[in-house]
Amino acid sequence: MSPYTVFMDIDGTLVGESQYPSKRVVETIAKYRAQGHRFFIASGRPLFSATMMADRIGPDLDIICSNGTVTRIGGKVEAQHLSTNALEGIWRVAKKYQLPQYFFTLEKVLYLTPLPAAVSADGKNRIAGEDPHKYVAIDTLEQLRANSGKIINAIAIDPDLEKIARARVEMNALPDVDASSSNIDNIEITAHGVNKATAIMRVCRELNQPLARTMAFGDGSNDLEMLKTVHYGIAMGNANDQVKAATKFHTVDLAHDGVAVALDKFLGSQEQN
C-alpha cells in the first residue's frame, strides 16, 4: 500500500487539559509510522511548544506550526514572517480593543497586555504555557517594528466574546493578514494567504506526496482549510459545528481517542486489502 501523510492538530485533537496524548493514540500512531506512513503535527502553536507536544507523541515527528507559517521537515526549519505593515495594523486593532495580543518568533513570545486571569488553561497552552522565560513585554510600536523579520504569526485571546468577534472582523480587513480562530475566544493571525492548508501543499510538493494520499484531523475553525485540502479531512467528535458541517468524514471525540479510531478505520482497513 502506498503510504499516507497524516496531519494532526494538537489542542482538542491530540491533547486536552492534561496536555498529554492518550496511550492508545501514541501506540496507534507508532504502529502506522512503522508501516511507512508519515505523520505531521499541524498546529497554531509556536515551534518550541509544538516541538514539545510532538515529542510526547513520537520521536522525530515532522511539524507544521504557527498555523502554517513554520515547517520542520527532517529537522530543517523554514519560516514565513508578518510584514511591518501587517504588524502595524495588528497593533492598531489590538490597542483599539485593548486585546491581550501576542506575537511569536521562533523562540519567544512578545506581548502587549498580560492575559486576563479568566482565560482558560487551554488558552494559555495555545500561547506558550506559563514559562516566564518565553515572554517578552513590549510597550511601543517602535519595539514591535524592531522585531519585524522575526515575528511569524500572532494570536489574541480574550474572554469577552463580543469584543473578540468585533476585533476579528477588523483584523480580517487588514490587507496583509488573515485571521481565523481555533476557539471562539481567540483570533489567530498569519500573513495573508498563509495557513495550514498552504503549508500542507508546500510540504506535499517537497515530499512528492500526492494529495490523494493525505489525511488530516482537526476540531477548530483554523483547521477548516486543512481539512478541505487533504483527501480525508476528518473532524473530531468535539469539533465545532462549522467544522463538522464542512467535512465529509467524522470520528469520535478526543476523550474517546478519535484520532486512533479513525486511523484504524482508514489505514487499518487498507492494510487488510
C-alpha atoms as a PDB file:
ATOM      1  CA  MET A   1       0.000   0.000   0.000  1.00  0.00           C
ATOM      2  CA  SER A   2       1.327   3.468  -0.884  1.00  0.00           C
ATOM      3  CA  PRO A   3       1.935   5.439   2.314  1.00  0.00           C
ATOM      4  CA  TYR A   4      -0.269   8.265   3.529  1.00  0.00           C
ATOM      5  CA  THR A   5       0.899  11.531   5.037  1.00  0.00           C
ATOM      6  CA  VAL A   6      -1.226  12.438   8.043  1.00  0.00           C
ATOM      7  CA  PHE A   7      -1.556  15.952   9.519  1.00  0.00           C
ATOM      8  CA  MET A   8      -2.843  16.329  13.086  1.00  0.00           C
ATOM      9  CA  ASP A   9      -3.946  19.387  15.024  1.00  0.00           C
ATOM     10  CA  ILE A  10      -2.865  19.408  18.694  1.00  0.00           C
ATOM     11  CA  ASP A  11      -5.350  21.114  21.014  1.00  0.00           C
ATOM     12  CA  GLY A  12      -8.722  19.414  21.039  1.00  0.00           C
ATOM     13  CA  THR A  13      -7.464  16.774  18.613  1.00  0.00           C
ATOM     14  CA  LEU A  14      -4.441  15.067  20.164  1.00  0.00           C
ATOM     15  CA  VAL A  15      -4.452  16.530  23.678  1.00  0.00           C
ATOM     16  CA  GLY A  16      -6.862  18.036  26.160  1.00  0.00           C
ATOM     17  CA  GLU A  17      -6.402  19.526  29.617  1.00  0.00           C
ATOM     18  CA  SER A  18      -3.703  17.029  30.622  1.00  0.00           C
ATOM     19  CA  GLN A  19      -1.533  18.157  27.685  1.00  0.00           C
ATOM     20  CA  TYR A  20      -0.585  14.527  27.025  1.00  0.00           C
ATOM     21  CA  PRO A  21      -1.949  12.275  24.271  1.00  0.00           C
ATOM     22  CA  SER A  22      -3.542   9.027  25.383  1.00  0.00           C
ATOM     23  CA  LYS A  23      -1.586   5.786  25.368  1.00  0.00           C
ATOM     24  CA  ARG A  24      -3.858   4.405  22.654  1.00  0.00           C
ATOM     25  CA  VAL A  25      -3.269   7.392  20.362  1.00  0.00           C
ATOM     26  CA  VAL A  26       0.517   7.234  20.841  1.00  0.00           C
ATOM     27  CA  GLU A  27       0.640   3.493  20.174  1.00  0.00           C
ATOM     28  CA  THR A  28      -1.656   3.726  17.133  1.00  0.00           C
ATOM     29  CA  ILE A  29       0.440   6.471  15.535  1.00  0.00           C
ATOM     30  CA  ALA A  30       3.615   4.475  16.224  1.00  0.00           C
ATOM     31  CA  LYS A  31       2.075   1.408  14.571  1.00  0.00           C
ATOM     32  CA  TYR A  32       1.264   3.220  11.333  1.00  0.00           C
ATOM     33  CA  ARG A  33       4.578   5.088  11.281  1.00  0.00           C
ATOM     34  CA  ALA A  34       6.283   1.694  11.449  1.00  0.00           C
ATOM     35  CA  GLN A  35       4.288   0.700   8.351  1.00  0.00           C
ATOM     36  CA  GLY A  36       5.723   3.660   6.427  1.00  0.00           C
ATOM     37  CA  HIS A  37       3.045   6.332   6.862  1.00  0.00           C
ATOM     38  CA  ARG A  38       4.338   9.833   7.647  1.00  0.00           C
ATOM     39  CA  PHE A  39       2.867  11.981  10.421  1.00  0.00           C
ATOM     40  CA  PHE A  40       2.933  15.744  10.980  1.00  0.00           C
ATOM     41  CA  ILE A  41       1.811  17.935  13.813  1.00  0.00           C
ATOM     42  CA  ALA A  42      -0.256  20.759  12.248  1.00  0.00           C
ATOM     43  CA  SER A  43      -0.838  23.340  14.956  1.00  0.00           C
ATOM     44  CA  GLY A  44      -1.301  27.002  15.667  1.00  0.00           C
ATOM     45  CA  ARG A  45       1.242  26.721  18.466  1.00  0.00           C
ATOM     46  CA  PRO A  46       4.723  28.235  18.124  1.00  0.00           C
ATOM     47  CA  LEU A  47       7.612  25.956  17.175  1.00  0.00           C
ATOM     48  CA  PHE A  48       9.012  25.460  20.684  1.00  0.00           C
ATOM     49  CA  SER A  49       5.591  24.469  22.032  1.00  0.00           C
ATOM     50  CA  ALA A  50       4.684  22.306  19.028  1.00  0.00           C
ATOM     51  CA  THR A  51       8.052  20.540  19.339  1.00  0.00           C
ATOM     52  CA  MET A  52       7.366  19.710  22.978  1.00  0.00           C
ATOM     53  CA  MET A  53       3.998  18.224  22.040  1.00  0.00           C
ATOM     54  CA  ALA A  54       5.426  16.339  19.056  1.00  0.00           C
ATOM     55  CA  ASP A  55       7.996  14.704  21.325  1.00  0.00           C
ATOM     56  CA  ARG A  56       5.157  13.422  23.513  1.00  0.00           C
ATOM     57  CA  ILE A  57       3.637  11.680  20.507  1.00  0.00           C
ATOM     58  CA  GLY A  58       6.706  10.123  18.926  1.00  0.00           C
ATOM     59  CA  PRO A  59      10.374  10.694  18.074  1.00  0.00           C
ATOM     60  CA  ASP A  60      11.369  12.949  15.152  1.00  0.00           C
ATOM     61  CA  LEU A  61       7.816  13.843  14.217  1.00  0.00           C
ATOM     62  CA  ASP A  62       7.596  16.422  11.429  1.00  0.00           C
ATOM     63  CA  ILE A  63       5.876  19.713  12.224  1.00  0.00           C
ATOM     64  CA  ILE A  64       3.701  22.384  10.674  1.00  0.00           C
ATOM     65  CA  CYS A  65       3.102  25.079  13.275  1.00  0.00           C
ATOM     66  CA  SER A  66       2.192  28.722  13.827  1.00  0.00           C
ATOM     67  CA  ASN A  67      -0.818  27.993  11.583  1.00  0.00           C
ATOM     68  CA  GLY A  68       1.295  27.125   8.574  1.00  0.00           C
ATOM     69  CA  THR A  69       3.962  29.816   8.820  1.00  0.00           C
ATOM     70  CA  VAL A  70       6.623  27.388  10.079  1.00  0.00           C
ATOM     71  CA  THR A  71       7.559  23.889   8.905  1.00  0.00           C
ATOM     72  CA  ARG A  72      10.090  21.461  10.289  1.00  0.00           C
ATOM     73  CA  ILE A  73      10.749  18.560   7.942  1.00  0.00           C
ATOM     74  CA  GLY A  74      13.517  16.131   8.781  1.00  0.00           C
ATOM     75  CA  GLY A  75      14.860  18.665  11.273  1.00  0.00           C
ATOM     76  CA  LYS A  76      15.056  21.528   8.739  1.00  0.00           C
ATOM     77  CA  VAL A  77      13.080  24.611   9.818  1.00  0.00           C
ATOM     78  CA  GLU A  78      11.619  27.162   7.385  1.00  0.00           C
ATOM     79  CA  ALA A  79       9.509  30.190   8.365  1.00  0.00           C
ATOM     80  CA  GLN A  80       7.470  32.968   6.802  1.00  0.00           C
ATOM     81  CA  HIS A  81       7.053  36.321   8.546  1.00  0.00           C
ATOM     82  CA  LEU A  82       4.486  39.027   9.083  1.00  0.00           C
ATOM     83  CA  SER A  83       5.359  42.263   7.255  1.00  0.00           C
ATOM     84  CA  THR A  84       5.991  45.523   9.078  1.00  0.00           C
ATOM     85  CA  ASN A  85       2.737  46.820   7.580  1.00  0.00           C
ATOM     86  CA  ALA A  86       0.870  43.804   8.976  1.00  0.00           C
ATOM     87  CA  LEU A  87       2.404  44.286  12.430  1.00  0.00           C
ATOM     88  CA  GLU A  88       1.360  47.934  12.486  1.00  0.00           C
ATOM     89  CA  GLY A  89      -2.213  47.026  11.538  1.00  0.00           C
ATOM     90  CA  ILE A  90      -2.436  44.312  14.200  1.00  0.00           C
ATOM     91  CA  TRP A  91      -1.049  46.777  16.759  1.00  0.00           C
ATOM     92  CA  ARG A  92      -3.739  49.366  15.926  1.00  0.00           C
ATOM     93  CA  VAL A  93      -6.614  46.881  16.266  1.00  0.00           C
ATOM     94  CA  ALA A  94      -5.179  45.348  19.448  1.00  0.00           C
ATOM     95  CA  LYS A  95      -4.781  48.785  21.026  1.00  0.00           C
ATOM     96  CA  LYS A  96      -8.287  49.859  19.965  1.00  0.00           C
ATOM     97  CA  TYR A  97      -9.860  46.875  21.706  1.00  0.00           C
ATOM     98  CA  GLN A  98      -7.273  46.556  24.498  1.00  0.00           C
ATOM     99  CA  LEU A  99      -6.654  42.954  23.484  1.00  0.00           C
ATOM    100  CA  PRO A 100      -4.157  40.632  25.147  1.00  0.00           C
ATOM    101  CA  GLN A 101      -2.137  40.373  21.922  1.00  0.00           C
ATOM    102  CA  TYR A 102       0.800  38.001  21.444  1.00  0.00           C
ATOM    103  CA  PHE A 103       3.388  37.907  18.663  1.00  0.00           C
ATOM    104  CA  PHE A 104       5.505  34.799  18.067  1.00  0.00           C
ATOM    105  CA  THR A 105       9.092  34.441  16.940  1.00  0.00           C
ATOM    106  CA  LEU A 106      10.733  31.026  16.657  1.00  0.00           C
ATOM    107  CA  GLU A 107      11.982  31.276  20.246  1.00  0.00           C
ATOM    108  CA  LYS A 108       9.945  33.889  22.116  1.00  0.00           C
ATOM    109  CA  VAL A 109       6.520  35.427  22.658  1.00  0.00           C
ATOM    110  CA  LEU A 110       6.198  39.216  22.598  1.00  0.00           C
ATOM    111  CA  TYR A 111       3.096  40.586  24.321  1.00  0.00           C
ATOM    112  CA  LEU A 112       1.267  43.871  24.734  1.00  0.00           C
ATOM    113  CA  THR A 113      -1.000  43.028  27.668  1.00  0.00           C
ATOM    114  CA  PRO A 114      -0.832  40.065  30.070  1.00  0.00           C
ATOM    115  CA  LEU A 115      -3.588  37.500  29.712  1.00  0.00           C
ATOM    116  CA  PRO A 116      -6.626  38.074  31.952  1.00  0.00           C
ATOM    117  CA  ALA A 117      -6.942  35.616  34.817  1.00  0.00           C
ATOM    118  CA  ALA A 118     -10.250  34.458  33.319  1.00  0.00           C
ATOM    119  CA  VAL A 119      -8.530  32.978  30.267  1.00  0.00           C
ATOM    120  CA  SER A 120      -8.546  29.185  30.442  1.00  0.00           C
ATOM    121  CA  ALA A 121      -5.548  26.923  30.813  1.00  0.00           C
ATOM    122  CA  ASP A 122      -6.284  25.826  27.234  1.00  0.00           C
ATOM    123  CA  GLY A 123      -5.836  29.398  26.076  1.00  0.00           C
ATOM    124  CA  LYS A 124      -2.540  29.729  27.925  1.00  0.00           C
ATOM    125  CA  ASN A 125      -1.281  26.472  26.425  1.00  0.00           C
ATOM    126  CA  ARG A 126      -2.078  27.740  22.927  1.00  0.00           C
ATOM    127  CA  ILE A 127       0.383  30.572  23.571  1.00  0.00           C
ATOM    128  CA  ALA A 128       3.372  29.058  25.357  1.00  0.00           C
ATOM    129  CA  GLY A 129       2.228  27.714  28.681  1.00  0.00           C
ATOM    130  CA  GLU A 130       3.351  29.640  31.732  1.00  0.00           C
ATOM    131  CA  ASP A 131       7.142  29.622  31.366  1.00  0.00           C
ATOM    132  CA  PRO A 132       8.111  33.257  32.129  1.00  0.00           C
ATOM    133  CA  HIS A 133      11.372  32.919  30.204  1.00  0.00           C
ATOM    134  CA  LYS A 134       9.442  32.663  26.920  1.00  0.00           C
ATOM    135  CA  TYR A 135       7.705  36.021  27.322  1.00  0.00           C
ATOM    136  CA  VAL A 136       8.975  39.498  26.467  1.00  0.00           C
ATOM    137  CA  ALA A 137       6.822  42.574  27.146  1.00  0.00           C
ATOM    138  CA  ILE A 138       6.704  45.302  24.520  1.00  0.00           C
ATOM    139  CA  ASP A 139       5.293  48.756  25.183  1.00  0.00           C
ATOM    140  CA  THR A 140       5.709  50.697  21.955  1.00  0.00           C
ATOM    141  CA  LEU A 141       5.093  50.337  18.255  1.00  0.00           C
ATOM    142  CA  GLU A 142       8.790  51.056  17.728  1.00  0.00           C
ATOM    143  CA  GLN A 143       9.667  47.945  19.757  1.00  0.00           C
ATOM    144  CA  LEU A 144       7.314  45.916  17.616  1.00  0.00           C
ATOM    145  CA  ARG A 145       8.763  47.308  14.387  1.00  0.00           C
ATOM    146  CA  ALA A 146      12.248  46.430  15.636  1.00  0.00           C
ATOM    147  CA  ASN A 147      11.222  42.773  15.615  1.00  0.00           C
ATOM    148  CA  SER A 148       9.968  42.849  12.028  1.00  0.00           C
ATOM    149  CA  GLY A 149      11.649  39.987  10.203  1.00  0.00           C
ATOM    150  CA  LYS A 150      11.447  37.802  13.312  1.00  0.00           C
ATOM    151  CA  ILE A 151       7.697  37.702  14.033  1.00  0.00           C
ATOM    152  CA  ILE A 152       5.954  34.886  12.200  1.00  0.00           C
ATOM    153  CA  ASN A 153       2.372  34.945  13.495  1.00  0.00           C
ATOM    154  CA  ALA A 154       0.189  36.283  16.285  1.00  0.00           C
ATOM    155  CA  ILE A 155      -2.777  35.456  18.494  1.00  0.00           C
ATOM    156  CA  ALA A 156      -5.193  37.472  20.604  1.00  0.00           C
ATOM    157  CA  ILE A 157      -7.201  35.814  23.374  1.00  0.00           C
ATOM    158  CA  ASP A 158      -9.942  37.480  25.388  1.00  0.00           C
ATOM    159  CA  PRO A 159     -12.890  36.032  27.350  1.00  0.00           C
ATOM    160  CA  ASP A 160     -15.076  38.936  26.132  1.00  0.00           C
ATOM    161  CA  LEU A 161     -16.526  37.118  23.116  1.00  0.00           C
ATOM    162  CA  GLU A 162     -18.396  40.129  21.728  1.00  0.00           C
ATOM    163  CA  LYS A 163     -15.212  42.198  21.747  1.00  0.00           C
ATOM    164  CA  ILE A 164     -13.125  39.424  20.197  1.00  0.00           C
ATOM    165  CA  ALA A 165     -15.718  38.967  17.431  1.00  0.00           C
ATOM    166  CA  ARG A 166     -15.614  42.683  16.524  1.00  0.00           C
ATOM    167  CA  ALA A 167     -11.834  42.713  16.587  1.00  0.00           C
ATOM    168  CA  ARG A 168     -11.693  39.582  14.402  1.00  0.00           C
ATOM    169  CA  VAL A 169     -13.658  41.374  11.683  1.00  0.00           C
ATOM    170  CA  GLU A 170     -11.232  44.301  11.773  1.00  0.00           C
ATOM    171  CA  MET A 171      -8.169  42.047  11.772  1.00  0.00           C
ATOM    172  CA  ASN A 172      -9.514  40.252   8.706  1.00  0.00           C
ATOM    173  CA  ALA A 173      -9.971  43.590   6.954  1.00  0.00           C
ATOM    174  CA  LEU A 174      -6.222  44.327   7.191  1.00  0.00           C
ATOM    175  CA  PRO A 175      -4.654  43.869   3.724  1.00  0.00           C
ATOM    176  CA  ASP A 176      -1.577  41.882   4.758  1.00  0.00           C
ATOM    177  CA  VAL A 177      -3.051  39.386   7.223  1.00  0.00           C
ATOM    178  CA  ASP A 178      -5.525  36.526   7.528  1.00  0.00           C
ATOM    179  CA  ALA A 179      -7.422  35.984  10.776  1.00  0.00           C
ATOM    180  CA  SER A 180      -9.015  32.703  11.857  1.00  0.00           C
ATOM    181  CA  SER A 181      -9.862  31.058  15.181  1.00  0.00           C
ATOM    182  CA  SER A 182      -9.062  27.800  16.918  1.00  0.00           C
ATOM    183  CA  ASN A 183     -11.577  28.711  19.630  1.00  0.00           C
ATOM    184  CA  ILE A 184     -14.331  31.311  19.994  1.00  0.00           C
ATOM    185  CA  ASP A 185     -12.218  33.370  22.416  1.00  0.00           C
ATOM    186  CA  ASN A 186      -9.234  33.901  20.104  1.00  0.00           C
ATOM    187  CA  ILE A 187      -8.003  35.416  16.850  1.00  0.00           C
ATOM    188  CA  GLU A 188      -5.167  33.554  15.128  1.00  0.00           C
ATOM    189  CA  ILE A 189      -3.266  35.780  12.708  1.00  0.00           C
ATOM    190  CA  THR A 190      -0.913  34.879   9.855  1.00  0.00           C
ATOM    191  CA  ALA A 191       0.432  36.609   6.772  1.00  0.00           C
ATOM    192  CA  HIS A 192      -2.198  36.840   4.034  1.00  0.00           C
ATOM    193  CA  GLY A 193      -2.530  33.584   2.105  1.00  0.00           C
ATOM    194  CA  VAL A 194      -0.659  31.530   4.704  1.00  0.00           C
ATOM    195  CA  ASN A 195      -2.442  28.810   6.667  1.00  0.00           C
ATOM    196  CA  LYS A 196      -2.226  25.108   7.483  1.00  0.00           C
ATOM    197  CA  ALA A 197      -3.574  24.203   4.046  1.00  0.00           C
ATOM    198  CA  THR A 198      -0.969  26.185   2.110  1.00  0.00           C
ATOM    199  CA  ALA A 199       1.729  24.636   4.284  1.00  0.00           C
ATOM    200  CA  ILE A 200       0.406  21.165   3.534  1.00  0.00           C
ATOM    201  CA  MET A 201       0.521  21.854  -0.185  1.00  0.00           C
ATOM    202  CA  ARG A 202       4.134  23.069   0.110  1.00  0.00           C
ATOM    203  CA  VAL A 203       5.057  20.003   2.156  1.00  0.00           C
ATOM    204  CA  CYS A 204       3.426  17.615  -0.309  1.00  0.00           C
ATOM    205  CA  ARG A 205       5.270  19.201  -3.229  1.00  0.00           C
ATOM    206  CA  GLU A 206       8.562  18.943  -1.361  1.00  0.00           C
ATOM    207  CA  LEU A 207       7.965  15.320  -0.403  1.00  0.00           C
ATOM    208  CA  ASN A 208       6.441  14.405  -3.774  1.00  0.00           C
ATOM    209  CA  GLN A 209       3.401  13.216  -1.859  1.00  0.00           C
ATOM    210  CA  PRO A 210       0.131  13.126  -3.847  1.00  0.00           C
ATOM    211  CA  LEU A 211      -2.782  14.852  -2.113  1.00  0.00           C
ATOM    212  CA  ALA A 212      -4.798  11.725  -2.886  1.00  0.00           C
ATOM    213  CA  ARG A 213      -2.772  10.006  -0.171  1.00  0.00           C
ATOM    214  CA  THR A 214      -3.249  12.581   2.588  1.00  0.00           C
ATOM    215  CA  MET A 215      -5.332  12.747   5.740  1.00  0.00           C
ATOM    216  CA  ALA A 216      -5.875  15.384   8.434  1.00  0.00           C
ATOM    217  CA  PHE A 217      -7.559  15.699  11.819  1.00  0.00           C
ATOM    218  CA  GLY A 218      -8.877  18.885  13.406  1.00  0.00           C
ATOM    219  CA  ASP A 219     -11.545  20.464  15.557  1.00  0.00           C
ATOM    220  CA  GLY A 220     -11.281  24.255  15.179  1.00  0.00           C
ATOM    221  CA  SER A 221     -12.107  26.812  12.510  1.00  0.00           C
ATOM    222  CA  ASN A 222      -8.403  27.367  11.814  1.00  0.00           C
ATOM    223  CA  ASP A 223      -8.350  23.704  10.692  1.00  0.00           C
ATOM    224  CA  LEU A 224     -11.041  24.156   8.033  1.00  0.00           C
ATOM    225  CA  GLU A 225      -8.833  24.858   5.013  1.00  0.00           C
ATOM    226  CA  MET A 226      -6.537  21.994   6.003  1.00  0.00           C
ATOM    227  CA  LEU A 227      -9.441  19.563   6.308  1.00  0.00           C
ATOM    228  CA  LYS A 228     -10.818  20.609   2.920  1.00  0.00           C
ATOM    229  CA  THR A 229      -7.414  20.361   1.200  1.00  0.00           C
ATOM    230  CA  VAL A 230      -6.420  16.807   2.100  1.00  0.00           C
ATOM    231  CA  HIS A 231      -8.121  13.722   0.672  1.00  0.00           C
ATOM    232  CA  TYR A 232      -9.520  12.586   4.020  1.00  0.00           C
ATOM    233  CA  GLY A 233     -10.342  15.615   6.181  1.00  0.00           C
ATOM    234  CA  ILE A 234     -11.619  14.185   9.450  1.00  0.00           C
ATOM    235  CA  ALA A 235     -13.473  16.292  12.037  1.00  0.00           C
ATOM    236  CA  MET A 236     -13.171  15.309  15.665  1.00  0.00           C
ATOM    237  CA  GLY A 237     -16.378  14.486  17.539  1.00  0.00           C
ATOM    238  CA  ASN A 238     -15.730  17.573  19.688  1.00  0.00           C
ATOM    239  CA  ALA A 239     -15.221  19.834  16.641  1.00  0.00           C
ATOM    240  CA  ASN A 240     -17.332  22.968  16.364  1.00  0.00           C
ATOM    241  CA  ASP A 241     -20.476  22.923  14.224  1.00  0.00           C
ATOM    242  CA  GLN A 242     -18.822  24.842  11.379  1.00  0.00           C
ATOM    243  CA  VAL A 243     -16.075  22.247  11.062  1.00  0.00           C
ATOM    244  CA  LYS A 244     -18.496  19.327  11.236  1.00  0.00           C
ATOM    245  CA  ALA A 245     -20.745  20.847   8.584  1.00  0.00           C
ATOM    246  CA  ALA A 246     -17.827  21.431   6.207  1.00  0.00           C
ATOM    247  CA  THR A 247     -16.309  17.939   6.421  1.00  0.00           C
ATOM    248  CA  LYS A 248     -17.446  14.637   4.978  1.00  0.00           C
ATOM    249  CA  PHE A 249     -15.581  12.446   7.453  1.00  0.00           C
ATOM    250  CA  HIS A 250     -16.063  12.451  11.221  1.00  0.00           C
ATOM    251  CA  THR A 251     -14.613  10.464  14.111  1.00  0.00           C
ATOM    252  CA  VAL A 252     -15.383  10.241  17.827  1.00  0.00           C
ATOM    253  CA  ASP A 253     -14.208  12.905  20.245  1.00  0.00           C
ATOM    254  CA  LEU A 254     -10.826  13.463  21.881  1.00  0.00           C
ATOM    255  CA  ALA A 255     -11.907  11.760  25.103  1.00  0.00           C
ATOM    256  CA  HIS A 256     -12.622   8.574  23.131  1.00  0.00           C
ATOM    257  CA  ASP A 257      -9.353   8.575  21.126  1.00  0.00           C
ATOM    258  CA  GLY A 258     -10.873   9.886  17.913  1.00  0.00           C
ATOM    259  CA  VAL A 259      -7.550  10.020  16.067  1.00  0.00           C
ATOM    260  CA  ALA A 260      -6.726   6.383  16.855  1.00  0.00           C
ATOM    261  CA  VAL A 261     -10.251   5.224  15.969  1.00  0.00           C
ATOM    262  CA  ALA A 262     -10.115   6.908  12.558  1.00  0.00           C
ATOM    263  CA  LEU A 263      -6.570   5.736  11.780  1.00  0.00           C
ATOM    264  CA  ASP A 264      -7.610   2.155  12.392  1.00  0.00           C
ATOM    265  CA  LYS A 265     -10.714   2.661  10.261  1.00  0.00           C
ATOM    266  CA  PHE A 266      -8.986   4.272   7.282  1.00  0.00           C
ATOM    267  CA  LEU A 267      -5.452   2.848   7.359  1.00  0.00           C
ATOM    268  CA  GLY A 268      -6.190  -0.427   9.096  1.00  0.00           C
ATOM    269  CA  SER A 269      -8.843  -1.386   6.557  1.00  0.00           C
ATOM    270  CA  GLN A 270      -6.496  -0.645   3.637  1.00  0.00           C
ATOM    271  CA  GLU A 271      -3.785  -2.684   5.306  1.00  0.00           C
ATOM    272  CA  GLN A 272      -6.065  -5.722   5.052  1.00  0.00           C
ATOM    273  CA  ASN A 273      -6.855  -5.206   1.355  1.00  0.00           C
END
